[in-house]
Amino acid sequence: MKHATSDDLKSVDQLLEKVRKIQGIVEKQPGHFYHKGKNVLHFHEEHGSLFADIGDERMKVSEFLYREIVKKVEIYISEIKLARDSEKIHRS
């Protein structure tokens, strides 16, 4: 399974626009999103289908799942923040 190209991502432009609006997320290259240096979301293409990798979870992308994908990204970012806060507390 290969990483999605810019051309592959054209079909999910509406999803990408929603993801780009999430606070604290950075798109380092087209379709590769990070939060404070941690990979949060990127896409793969296989046999004409797109897949979103959110953390360790992979899901097939369809327009009907855009809201769910955005929600999962937001939850994953929250988990990253909690883990970092927990590390800070344990170091203190």
Protein backbone atom coordinates (compact mmCIF):
# COMPACT_ATOMS: atom_id res chain seq x y z
CA MET A 1 0.00 0.00 0.00
CA LYS A 2 1.56 3.28 -1.09
CA HIS A 3 1.20 6.74 0.38
CA ALA A 4 -1.44 8.79 -1.39
CA THR A 5 -0.18 11.37 -3.86
CA SER A 6 -1.47 14.92 -4.25
CA ASP A 7 -3.53 13.69 -7.20
CA ASP A 8 -5.03 10.89 -5.08
CA LEU A 9 -6.01 13.43 -2.42
CA LYS A 10 -7.96 15.66 -4.81
CA SER A 11 -11.00 13.44 -4.32
CA VAL A 12 -11.04 14.14 -0.56
CA ASP A 13 -10.42 17.88 -0.64
CA GLN A 14 -13.50 18.57 1.52
CA LEU A 15 -12.18 16.20 4.18
CA LEU A 16 -8.74 17.81 4.08
CA GLU A 17 -10.30 21.26 4.54
CA LYS A 18 -12.11 20.03 7.67
CA VAL A 19 -8.92 18.50 9.07
CA ARG A 20 -6.93 21.68 8.38
CA LYS A 21 -9.35 23.58 10.64
CA ILE A 22 -8.53 21.43 13.68
CA GLN A 23 -6.67 23.52 16.22
CA GLY A 24 -3.00 22.64 16.60
CA ILE A 25 -2.74 20.45 13.52
CA VAL A 26 0.03 21.05 10.99
CA GLU A 27 0.12 19.72 7.43
CA LYS A 28 3.82 19.15 6.75
CA GLN A 29 3.16 17.89 3.24
CA PRO A 30 -0.09 17.28 1.38
CA GLY A 31 -2.20 14.83 3.37
CA HIS A 32 0.33 14.33 6.20
CA PHE A 33 -0.88 15.92 9.43
CA TYR A 34 1.00 16.29 12.71
CA HIS A 35 0.33 17.63 16.18
CA LYS A 36 3.41 18.87 18.08
CA GLY A 37 5.66 16.67 15.95
CA LYS A 38 3.58 13.49 16.31
CA ASN A 39 2.11 11.91 13.18
CA VAL A 40 -1.67 12.11 13.51
CA LEU A 41 -3.10 11.44 10.05
CA HIS A 42 -1.89 10.42 6.62
CA PHE A 43 -3.40 8.63 3.66
CA HIS A 44 -2.66 5.56 1.57
CA GLU A 45 -3.98 4.51 -1.83
CA GLU A 46 -4.56 0.99 -3.03
CA HIS A 47 -6.51 -0.15 -6.09
CA GLY A 48 -8.25 3.22 -6.42
CA SER A 49 -9.37 3.37 -2.78
CA LEU A 50 -8.07 5.77 -0.13
CA PHE A 51 -7.33 4.79 3.44
CA ALA A 52 -6.76 7.11 6.39
CA ASP A 53 -4.21 6.19 9.04
CA ILE A 54 -5.14 7.89 12.31
CA GLY A 55 -2.52 6.91 14.85
CA ASP A 56 -2.39 3.11 14.60
CA GLU A 57 -5.87 2.77 13.10
CA ARG A 58 -6.53 2.47 9.37
CA MET A 59 -9.94 3.09 7.87
CA LYS A 60 -11.26 3.25 4.33
CA VAL A 61 -12.20 6.79 3.33
CA SER A 62 -15.64 7.61 2.00
CA GLU A 63 -17.58 10.84 1.99
CA PHE A 64 -20.03 9.29 4.46
CA LEU A 65 -17.19 8.85 6.97
CA TYR A 66 -15.70 12.37 6.85
CA ARG A 67 -17.33 13.40 10.14
CA GLU A 68 -16.13 10.19 11.83
CA ILE A 69 -12.59 10.64 10.52
CA VAL A 70 -12.43 14.24 11.79
CA LYS A 71 -13.79 13.13 15.19
CA LYS A 72 -11.20 10.34 15.43
CA VAL A 73 -8.42 12.82 14.62
CA GLU A 74 -9.68 15.16 17.35
CA ILE A 75 -9.84 12.29 19.85
CA TYR A 76 -6.34 11.13 18.91
CA ILE A 77 -4.97 14.65 19.42
CA SER A 78 -6.65 14.73 22.85
CA GLU A 79 -4.98 11.42 23.70
CA ILE A 80 -1.60 12.83 22.66
CA LYS A 81 -2.15 15.87 24.88
CA LEU A 82 -3.15 13.70 27.86
CA ALA A 83 -0.10 11.47 27.43
CA ARG A 84 2.22 14.48 27.27
CA ASP A 85 0.59 16.08 30.32
CA SER A 86 0.95 12.79 32.20
CA GLU A 87 4.65 12.59 31.27
CA LYS A 88 5.18 16.13 32.54
CA ILE A 89 3.53 15.30 35.86
CA HIS A 90 5.65 12.16 36.32
CA ARG A 91 8.85 14.08 35.56
CA SER A 92 8.07 16.73 38.18
